[in-house]
Amino acid sequence: GLSSKTPQEVKDVFQILDEDNSGFIEESELKYFL
């Protein structure tokens, strides 16, 4: 359902996925994406 969310909600999800709060999702974080 993420593709039907608002740009702000997508940014909120990004912040949750960006575990080290670097402003980026790196390969090390992407490995554990699911």
PDB file of all heavy atoms in Angstrom:
ATOM      1  N   GLY A   1       0.788  -1.225   0.000  1.00  0.00           N
ATOM      2  CA  GLY A   1       0.000   0.000   0.000  1.00  0.00           C
ATOM      3  C   GLY A   1       0.823   1.278   0.000  1.00  0.00           C
ATOM      4  O   GLY A   1       0.279   2.376   0.019  1.00  0.00           O
ATOM      5  N   LEU A   2       2.140   1.145  -0.027  1.00  0.00           N
ATOM      6  CA  LEU A   2       2.990   2.341   0.057  1.00  0.00           C
ATOM      7  C   LEU A   2       2.858   3.240  -1.167  1.00  0.00           C
ATOM      8  O   LEU A   2       2.874   4.462  -1.046  1.00  0.00           O
ATOM      9  CB  LEU A   2       4.459   1.928   0.260  1.00  0.00           C
ATOM     10  CG  LEU A   2       5.442   3.047   0.569  1.00  0.00           C
ATOM     11  CD1 LEU A   2       5.033   3.821   1.821  1.00  0.00           C
ATOM     12  CD2 LEU A   2       6.847   2.487   0.741  1.00  0.00           C
ATOM     13  N   SER A   3       2.670   2.633  -2.347  1.00  0.00           N
ATOM     14  CA  SER A   3       2.614   3.439  -3.572  1.00  0.00           C
ATOM     15  C   SER A   3       1.361   4.314  -3.647  1.00  0.00           C
ATOM     16  O   SER A   3       1.271   5.205  -4.474  1.00  0.00           O
ATOM     17  CB  SER A   3       2.748   2.562  -4.818  1.00  0.00           C
ATOM     18  OG  SER A   3       1.828   1.504  -4.776  1.00  0.00           O
ATOM     19  N   SER A   4       0.388   4.092  -2.756  1.00  0.00           N
ATOM     20  CA  SER A   4      -0.806   4.940  -2.752  1.00  0.00           C
ATOM     21  C   SER A   4      -0.818   5.933  -1.582  1.00  0.00           C
ATOM     22  O   SER A   4      -1.824   6.580  -1.312  1.00  0.00           O
ATOM     23  CB  SER A   4      -2.065   4.068  -2.706  1.00  0.00           C
ATOM     24  OG  SER A   4      -2.069   3.291  -1.528  1.00  0.00           O
ATOM     25  N   LYS A   5       0.304   6.057  -0.896  1.00  0.00           N
ATOM     26  CA  LYS A   5       0.405   6.978   0.244  1.00  0.00           C
ATOM     27  C   LYS A   5       0.853   8.365  -0.214  1.00  0.00           C
ATOM     28  O   LYS A   5       1.288   8.557  -1.338  1.00  0.00           O
ATOM     29  CB  LYS A   5       1.387   6.431   1.290  1.00  0.00           C
ATOM     30  CG  LYS A   5       0.952   5.125   1.922  1.00  0.00           C
ATOM     31  CD  LYS A   5      -0.341   5.306   2.693  1.00  0.00           C
ATOM     32  CE  LYS A   5      -0.874   4.002   3.257  1.00  0.00           C
ATOM     33  NZ  LYS A   5      -2.158   4.179   3.918  1.00  0.00           N
ATOM     34  N   THR A   6       0.760   9.339   0.689  1.00  0.00           N
ATOM     35  CA  THR A   6       1.172  10.706   0.370  1.00  0.00           C
ATOM     36  C   THR A   6       2.700  10.797   0.378  1.00  0.00           C
ATOM     37  O   THR A   6       3.369   9.965   1.002  1.00  0.00           O
ATOM     38  CB  THR A   6       0.638  11.699   1.422  1.00  0.00           C
ATOM     39  OG1 THR A   6       1.283  11.433   2.671  1.00  0.00           O
ATOM     40  CG2 THR A   6      -0.869  11.612   1.572  1.00  0.00           C
ATOM     41  N   PRO A   7       3.268  11.803  -0.287  1.00  0.00           N
ATOM     42  CA  PRO A   7       4.728  11.990  -0.245  1.00  0.00           C
ATOM     43  C   PRO A   7       5.265  12.058   1.188  1.00  0.00           C
ATOM     44  O   PRO A   7       6.323  11.499   1.478  1.00  0.00           O
ATOM     45  CB  PRO A   7       4.933  13.312  -0.978  1.00  0.00           C
ATOM     46  CG  PRO A   7       3.792  13.362  -1.958  1.00  0.00           C
ATOM     47  CD  PRO A   7       2.631  12.742  -1.213  1.00  0.00           C
ATOM     48  N   GLN A   8       4.527  12.682   2.106  1.00  0.00           N
ATOM     49  CA  GLN A   8       4.984  12.763   3.502  1.00  0.00           C
ATOM     50  C   GLN A   8       5.006  11.385   4.161  1.00  0.00           C
ATOM     51  O   GLN A   8       5.934  11.048   4.885  1.00  0.00           O
ATOM     52  CB  GLN A   8       4.108  13.729   4.318  1.00  0.00           C
ATOM     53  CG  GLN A   8       4.612  13.930   5.752  1.00  0.00           C
ATOM     54  CD  GLN A   8       6.071  14.374   5.828  1.00  0.00           C
ATOM     55  OE1 GLN A   8       6.456  15.365   5.234  1.00  0.00           O
ATOM     56  NE2 GLN A   8       6.907  13.624   6.548  1.00  0.00           N
ATOM     57  N   GLU A   9       3.985  10.576   3.895  1.00  0.00           N
ATOM     58  CA  GLU A   9       3.945   9.227   4.470  1.00  0.00           C
ATOM     59  C   GLU A   9       5.096   8.379   3.925  1.00  0.00           C
ATOM     60  O   GLU A   9       5.700   7.592   4.659  1.00  0.00           O
ATOM     61  CB  GLU A   9       2.596   8.560   4.175  1.00  0.00           C
ATOM     62  CG  GLU A   9       1.461   9.156   4.996  1.00  0.00           C
ATOM     63  CD  GLU A   9       0.088   8.694   4.533  1.00  0.00           C
ATOM     64  OE1 GLU A   9      -0.154   8.624   3.307  1.00  0.00           O
ATOM     65  OE2 GLU A   9      -0.749   8.412   5.400  1.00  0.00           O
ATOM     66  N   VAL A  10       5.411   8.558   2.650  1.00  0.00           N
ATOM     67  CA  VAL A  10       6.530   7.820   2.051  1.00  0.00           C
ATOM     68  C   VAL A  10       7.843   8.255   2.722  1.00  0.00           C
ATOM     69  O   VAL A  10       8.700   7.427   3.039  1.00  0.00           O
ATOM     70  CB  VAL A  10       6.586   8.029   0.521  1.00  0.00           C
ATOM     71  CG1 VAL A  10       7.852   7.425  -0.070  1.00  0.00           C
ATOM     72  CG2 VAL A  10       5.351   7.412  -0.137  1.00  0.00           C
ATOM     73  N   LYS A  11       7.987   9.556   2.981  1.00  0.00           N
ATOM     74  CA  LYS A  11       9.187  10.040   3.685  1.00  0.00           C
ATOM     75  C   LYS A  11       9.262   9.470   5.107  1.00  0.00           C
ATOM     76  O   LYS A  11      10.336   9.140   5.593  1.00  0.00           O
ATOM     77  CB  LYS A  11       9.190  11.572   3.738  1.00  0.00           C
ATOM     78  CG  LYS A  11       9.821  12.203   2.505  1.00  0.00           C
ATOM     79  CD  LYS A  11      10.215  13.631   2.793  1.00  0.00           C
ATOM     80  CE  LYS A  11      10.911  14.403   1.778  1.00  0.00           C
ATOM     81  NZ  LYS A  11      11.181  14.299   0.501  1.00  0.00           N
ATOM     82  N   ASP A  12       8.111   9.356   5.765  1.00  0.00           N
ATOM     83  CA  ASP A  12       8.071   8.771   7.116  1.00  0.00           C
ATOM     84  C   ASP A  12       8.540   7.318   7.082  1.00  0.00           C
ATOM     85  O   ASP A  12       9.302   6.881   7.954  1.00  0.00           O
ATOM     86  CB  ASP A  12       6.653   8.845   7.699  1.00  0.00           C
ATOM     87  CG  ASP A  12       6.220  10.277   8.011  1.00  0.00           C
ATOM     88  OD1 ASP A  12       7.091  11.173   8.087  1.00  0.00           O
ATOM     89  OD2 ASP A  12       5.001  10.502   8.173  1.00  0.00           O
ATOM     90  N   VAL A  13       8.103   6.570   6.082  1.00  0.00           N
ATOM     91  CA  VAL A  13       8.542   5.176   5.937  1.00  0.00           C
ATOM     92  C   VAL A  13      10.051   5.141   5.679  1.00  0.00           C
ATOM     93  O   VAL A  13      10.767   4.325   6.255  1.00  0.00           O
ATOM     94  CB  VAL A  13       7.767   4.450   4.806  1.00  0.00           C
ATOM     95  CG1 VAL A  13       8.411   3.121   4.451  1.00  0.00           C
ATOM     96  CG2 VAL A  13       6.318   4.240   5.229  1.00  0.00           C
ATOM     97  N   PHE A  14      10.539   6.054   4.842  1.00  0.00           N
ATOM     98  CA  PHE A  14      11.978   6.126   4.575  1.00  0.00           C
ATOM     99  C   PHE A  14      12.751   6.301   5.883  1.00  0.00           C
ATOM    100  O   PHE A  14      13.746   5.624   6.120  1.00  0.00           O
ATOM    101  CB  PHE A  14      12.302   7.275   3.617  1.00  0.00           C
ATOM    102  CG  PHE A  14      13.779   7.464   3.387  1.00  0.00           C
ATOM    103  CD1 PHE A  14      14.438   6.733   2.420  1.00  0.00           C
ATOM    104  CD2 PHE A  14      14.521   8.337   4.173  1.00  0.00           C
ATOM    105  CE1 PHE A  14      15.804   6.866   2.223  1.00  0.00           C
ATOM    106  CE2 PHE A  14      15.887   8.487   3.994  1.00  0.00           C
ATOM    107  CZ  PHE A  14      16.529   7.751   3.008  1.00  0.00           C
ATOM    108  N   GLN A  15      12.283   7.191   6.737  1.00  0.00           N
ATOM    109  CA  GLN A  15      12.984   7.444   7.996  1.00  0.00           C
ATOM    110  C   GLN A  15      13.010   6.216   8.895  1.00  0.00           C
ATOM    111  O   GLN A  15      13.986   5.986   9.602  1.00  0.00           O
ATOM    112  CB  GLN A  15      12.355   8.645   8.724  1.00  0.00           C
ATOM    113  CG  GLN A  15      12.680   9.938   8.006  1.00  0.00           C
ATOM    114  CD  GLN A  15      11.932  11.140   8.545  1.00  0.00           C
ATOM    115  OE1 GLN A  15      10.881  10.995   9.185  1.00  0.00           O
ATOM    116  NE2 GLN A  15      12.445  12.321   8.290  1.00  0.00           N
ATOM    117  N   ILE A  16      11.955   5.411   8.846  1.00  0.00           N
ATOM    118  CA  ILE A  16      11.926   4.165   9.616  1.00  0.00           C
ATOM    119  C   ILE A  16      12.950   3.173   9.044  1.00  0.00           C
ATOM    120  O   ILE A  16      13.661   2.493   9.780  1.00  0.00           O
ATOM    121  CB  ILE A  16      10.505   3.546   9.615  1.00  0.00           C
ATOM    122  CG1 ILE A  16       9.544   4.465  10.378  1.00  0.00           C
ATOM    123  CG2 ILE A  16      10.515   2.143  10.211  1.00  0.00           C
ATOM    124  CD1 ILE A  16       8.073   4.138  10.189  1.00  0.00           C
ATOM    125  N   LEU A  17      13.053   3.113   7.715  1.00  0.00           N
ATOM    126  CA  LEU A  17      13.966   2.171   7.059  1.00  0.00           C
ATOM    127  C   LEU A  17      15.426   2.599   7.175  1.00  0.00           C
ATOM    128  O   LEU A  17      16.331   1.764   7.132  1.00  0.00           O
ATOM    129  CB  LEU A  17      13.591   2.014   5.580  1.00  0.00           C
ATOM    130  CG  LEU A  17      12.198   1.431   5.306  1.00  0.00           C
ATOM    131  CD1 LEU A  17      11.884   1.482   3.827  1.00  0.00           C
ATOM    132  CD2 LEU A  17      12.095   0.016   5.846  1.00  0.00           C
ATOM    133  N   ASP A  18      15.662   3.900   7.333  1.00  0.00           N
ATOM    134  CA  ASP A  18      17.017   4.450   7.471  1.00  0.00           C
ATOM    135  C   ASP A  18      17.450   4.292   8.928  1.00  0.00           C
ATOM    136  O   ASP A  18      17.413   5.218   9.719  1.00  0.00           O
ATOM    137  CB  ASP A  18      17.014   5.925   7.047  1.00  0.00           C
ATOM    138  CG  ASP A  18      18.367   6.592   7.244  1.00  0.00           C
ATOM    139  OD1 ASP A  18      19.384   5.878   7.321  1.00  0.00           O
ATOM    140  OD2 ASP A  18      18.393   7.838   7.324  1.00  0.00           O
ATOM    141  N   GLU A  19      17.889   3.059   9.266  1.00  0.00           N
ATOM    142  CA  GLU A  19      18.168   2.712  10.658  1.00  0.00           C
ATOM    143  C   GLU A  19      19.212   3.591  11.336  1.00  0.00           C
ATOM    144  O   GLU A  19      19.106   3.883  12.515  1.00  0.00           O
ATOM    145  CB  GLU A  19      18.624   1.256  10.744  1.00  0.00           C
ATOM    146  CG  GLU A  19      17.482   0.285  10.644  1.00  0.00           C
ATOM    147  CD  GLU A  19      17.927  -1.118  10.947  1.00  0.00           C
ATOM    148  OE1 GLU A  19      18.375  -1.804  10.010  1.00  0.00           O
ATOM    149  OE2 GLU A  19      17.834  -1.503  12.117  1.00  0.00           O
ATOM    150  N   ASP A  20      20.247   3.994  10.609  1.00  0.00           N
ATOM    151  CA  ASP A  20      21.316   4.777  11.240  1.00  0.00           C
ATOM    152  C   ASP A  20      21.085   6.291  11.117  1.00  0.00           C
ATOM    153  O   ASP A  20      21.938   7.086  11.479  1.00  0.00           O
ATOM    154  CB  ASP A  20      22.690   4.387  10.693  1.00  0.00           C
ATOM    155  CG  ASP A  20      22.840   4.666   9.203  1.00  0.00           C
ATOM    156  OD1 ASP A  20      21.901   5.230   8.581  1.00  0.00           O
ATOM    157  OD2 ASP A  20      23.897   4.318   8.656  1.00  0.00           O
ATOM    158  N   ASN A  21      19.915   6.673  10.602  1.00  0.00           N
ATOM    159  CA  ASN A  21      19.544   8.090  10.454  1.00  0.00           C
ATOM    160  C   ASN A  21      20.572   8.909   9.680  1.00  0.00           C
ATOM    161  O   ASN A  21      20.792  10.079   9.966  1.00  0.00           O
ATOM    162  CB  ASN A  21      19.292   8.735  11.832  1.00  0.00           C
ATOM    163  CG  ASN A  21      18.103   8.106  12.521  1.00  0.00           C
ATOM    164  OD1 ASN A  21      17.055   7.920  11.915  1.00  0.00           O
ATOM    165  ND2 ASN A  21      18.279   7.737  13.770  1.00  0.00           N
ATOM    166  N   SER A  22      21.172   8.281   8.665  1.00  0.00           N
ATOM    167  CA  SER A  22      22.188   8.957   7.849  1.00  0.00           C
ATOM    168  C   SER A  22      21.555   9.787   6.738  1.00  0.00           C
ATOM    169  O   SER A  22      22.231  10.559   6.076  1.00  0.00           O
ATOM    170  CB  SER A  22      23.128   7.928   7.225  1.00  0.00           C
ATOM    171  OG  SER A  22      22.407   7.106   6.313  1.00  0.00           O
ATOM    172  N   GLY A  23      20.253   9.605   6.518  1.00  0.00           N
ATOM    173  CA  GLY A  23      19.592  10.279   5.407  1.00  0.00           C
ATOM    174  C   GLY A  23      19.644   9.443   4.136  1.00  0.00           C
ATOM    175  O   GLY A  23      19.212   9.880   3.076  1.00  0.00           O
ATOM    176  N   PHE A  24      20.179   8.235   4.264  1.00  0.00           N
ATOM    177  CA  PHE A  24      20.304   7.322   3.121  1.00  0.00           C
ATOM    178  C   PHE A  24      20.001   5.903   3.561  1.00  0.00           C
ATOM    179  O   PHE A  24      20.236   5.537   4.707  1.00  0.00           O
ATOM    180  CB  PHE A  24      21.732   7.347   2.544  1.00  0.00           C
ATOM    181  CG  PHE A  24      22.123   8.687   1.996  1.00  0.00           C
ATOM    182  CD1 PHE A  24      22.803   9.598   2.783  1.00  0.00           C
ATOM    183  CD2 PHE A  24      21.794   9.050   0.696  1.00  0.00           C
ATOM    184  CE1 PHE A  24      23.159  10.845   2.295  1.00  0.00           C
ATOM    185  CE2 PHE A  24      22.138  10.291   0.192  1.00  0.00           C
ATOM    186  CZ  PHE A  24      22.832  11.193   0.991  1.00  0.00           C
ATOM    187  N   ILE A  25      19.514   5.099   2.608  1.00  0.00           N
ATOM    188  CA  ILE A  25      19.412   3.659   2.827  1.00  0.00           C
ATOM    189  C   ILE A  25      20.597   3.054   2.090  1.00  0.00           C
ATOM    190  O   ILE A  25      20.667   3.118   0.860  1.00  0.00           O
ATOM    191  CB  ILE A  25      18.082   3.085   2.300  1.00  0.00           C
ATOM    192  CG1 ILE A  25      16.900   3.710   3.049  1.00  0.00           C
ATOM    193  CG2 ILE A  25      18.068   1.565   2.448  1.00  0.00           C
ATOM    194  CD1 ILE A  25      15.543   3.308   2.510  1.00  0.00           C
ATOM    195  N   GLU A  26      21.535   2.530   2.853  1.00  0.00           N
ATOM    196  CA  GLU A  26      22.723   1.921   2.261  1.00  0.00           C
ATOM    197  C   GLU A  26      22.477   0.431   2.043  1.00  0.00           C
ATOM    198  O   GLU A  26      21.511  -0.125   2.547  1.00  0.00           O
ATOM    199  CB  GLU A  26      23.948   2.106   3.180  1.00  0.00           C
ATOM    200  CG  GLU A  26      24.412   3.530   3.328  1.00  0.00           C
ATOM    201  CD  GLU A  26      23.738   4.297   4.471  1.00  0.00           C
ATOM    202  OE1 GLU A  26      22.976   3.688   5.248  1.00  0.00           O
ATOM    203  OE2 GLU A  26      23.967   5.507   4.561  1.00  0.00           O
ATOM    204  N   GLU A  27      23.410  -0.202   1.321  1.00  0.00           N
ATOM    205  CA  GLU A  27      23.272  -1.624   1.006  1.00  0.00           C
ATOM    206  C   GLU A  27      23.130  -2.463   2.274  1.00  0.00           C
ATOM    207  O   GLU A  27      22.365  -3.418   2.318  1.00  0.00           O
ATOM    208  CB  GLU A  27      24.479  -2.097   0.177  1.00  0.00           C
ATOM    209  CG  GLU A  27      24.151  -3.299  -0.674  1.00  0.00           C
ATOM    210  CD  GLU A  27      25.227  -3.632  -1.684  1.00  0.00           C
ATOM    211  OE1 GLU A  27      25.568  -2.780  -2.519  1.00  0.00           O
ATOM    212  OE2 GLU A  27      25.728  -4.771  -1.621  1.00  0.00           O
ATOM    213  N   SER A  28      23.860  -2.091   3.338  1.00  0.00           N
ATOM    214  CA  SER A  28      23.795  -2.860   4.587  1.00  0.00           C
ATOM    215  C   SER A  28      22.381  -2.810   5.191  1.00  0.00           C
ATOM    216  O   SER A  28      21.931  -3.783   5.793  1.00  0.00           O
ATOM    217  CB  SER A  28      24.821  -2.335   5.595  1.00  0.00           C
ATOM    218  OG  SER A  28      24.602  -0.959   5.841  1.00  0.00           O
ATOM    219  N   GLU A  29      21.678  -1.690   5.026  1.00  0.00           N
ATOM    220  CA  GLU A  29      20.304  -1.585   5.526  1.00  0.00           C
ATOM    221  C   GLU A  29      19.326  -2.265   4.566  1.00  0.00           C
ATOM    222  O   GLU A  29      18.333  -2.857   4.992  1.00  0.00           O
ATOM    223  CB  GLU A  29      19.907  -0.108   5.695  1.00  0.00           C
ATOM    224  CG  GLU A  29      20.663   0.574   6.812  1.00  0.00           C
ATOM    225  CD  GLU A  29      20.537   2.088   6.787  1.00  0.00           C
ATOM    226  OE1 GLU A  29      20.576   2.704   5.696  1.00  0.00           O
ATOM    227  OE2 GLU A  29      20.421   2.669   7.872  1.00  0.00           O
ATOM    228  N   LEU A  30      19.627  -2.190   3.278  1.00  0.00           N
ATOM    229  CA  LEU A  30      18.754  -2.761   2.266  1.00  0.00           C
ATOM    230  C   LEU A  30      18.673  -4.281   2.380  1.00  0.00           C
ATOM    231  O   LEU A  30      17.621  -4.874   2.156  1.00  0.00           O
ATOM    232  CB  LEU A  30      19.278  -2.372   0.877  1.00  0.00           C
ATOM    233  CG  LEU A  30      18.271  -2.320  -0.250  1.00  0.00           C
ATOM    234  CD1 LEU A  30      17.055  -1.491   0.134  1.00  0.00           C
ATOM    235  CD2 LEU A  30      18.910  -1.760  -1.499  1.00  0.00           C
ATOM    236  N   LYS A  31      19.768  -4.901   2.780  1.00  0.00           N
ATOM    237  CA  LYS A  31      19.793  -6.366   2.933  1.00  0.00           C
ATOM    238  C   LYS A  31      18.657  -6.826   3.848  1.00  0.00           C
ATOM    239  O   LYS A  31      18.029  -7.846   3.608  1.00  0.00           O
ATOM    240  CB  LYS A  31      21.151  -6.799   3.495  1.00  0.00           C
ATOM    241  CG  LYS A  31      21.266  -8.290   3.679  1.00  0.00           C
ATOM    242  CD  LYS A  31      22.657  -8.698   4.122  1.00  0.00           C
ATOM    243  CE  LYS A  31      22.757 -10.213   4.144  1.00  0.00           C
ATOM    244  NZ  LYS A  31      24.102 -10.674   4.417  1.00  0.00           N
ATOM    245  N   TYR A  32      18.380  -6.046   4.887  1.00  0.00           N
ATOM    246  CA  TYR A  32      17.361  -6.415   5.877  1.00  0.00           C
ATOM    247  C   TYR A  32      16.039  -5.685   5.650  1.00  0.00           C
ATOM    248  O   TYR A  32      15.204  -5.597   6.541  1.00  0.00           O
ATOM    249  CB  TYR A  32      17.894  -6.135   7.294  1.00  0.00           C
ATOM    250  CG  TYR A  32      19.163  -6.898   7.554  1.00  0.00           C
ATOM    251  CD1 TYR A  32      20.401  -6.266   7.488  1.00  0.00           C
ATOM    252  CD2 TYR A  32      19.139  -8.270   7.807  1.00  0.00           C
ATOM    253  CE1 TYR A  32      21.581  -6.975   7.687  1.00  0.00           C
ATOM    254  CE2 TYR A  32      20.307  -8.986   8.003  1.00  0.00           C
ATOM    255  CZ  TYR A  32      21.520  -8.336   7.940  1.00  0.00           C
ATOM    256  OH  TYR A  32      22.680  -9.037   8.121  1.00  0.00           O
ATOM    257  N   PHE A  33      15.852  -5.172   4.431  1.00  0.00           N
ATOM    258  CA  PHE A  33      14.661  -4.395   4.066  1.00  0.00           C
ATOM    259  C   PHE A  33      13.360  -5.092   4.473  1.00  0.00           C
ATOM    260  O   PHE A  33      12.510  -4.504   5.136  1.00  0.00           O
ATOM    261  CB  PHE A  33      14.682  -4.142   2.542  1.00  0.00           C
ATOM    262  CG  PHE A  33      13.513  -3.367   2.022  1.00  0.00           C
ATOM    263  CD1 PHE A  33      13.479  -1.984   2.130  1.00  0.00           C
ATOM    264  CD2 PHE A  33      12.442  -4.002   1.404  1.00  0.00           C
ATOM    265  CE1 PHE A  33      12.398  -1.254   1.643  1.00  0.00           C
ATOM    266  CE2 PHE A  33      11.367  -3.291   0.921  1.00  0.00           C
ATOM    267  CZ  PHE A  33      11.349  -1.902   1.035  1.00  0.00           C
ATOM    268  N   LEU A  34      13.198  -6.362   4.086  1.00  0.00           N
ATOM    269  CA  LEU A  34      11.954  -7.081   4.377  1.00  0.00           C
ATOM    270  C   LEU A  34      11.767  -7.283   5.876  1.00  0.00           C
ATOM    271  O   LEU A  34      10.642  -7.269   6.374  1.00  0.00           O
ATOM    272  CB  LEU A  34      11.914  -8.426   3.646  1.00  0.00           C
ATOM    273  CG  LEU A  34      11.901  -8.356   2.117  1.00  0.00           C
ATOM    274  CD1 LEU A  34      11.980  -9.753   1.518  1.00  0.00           C
ATOM    275  CD2 LEU A  34      10.663  -7.622   1.613  1.00  0.00           C
TER     276      LEU A  34
END
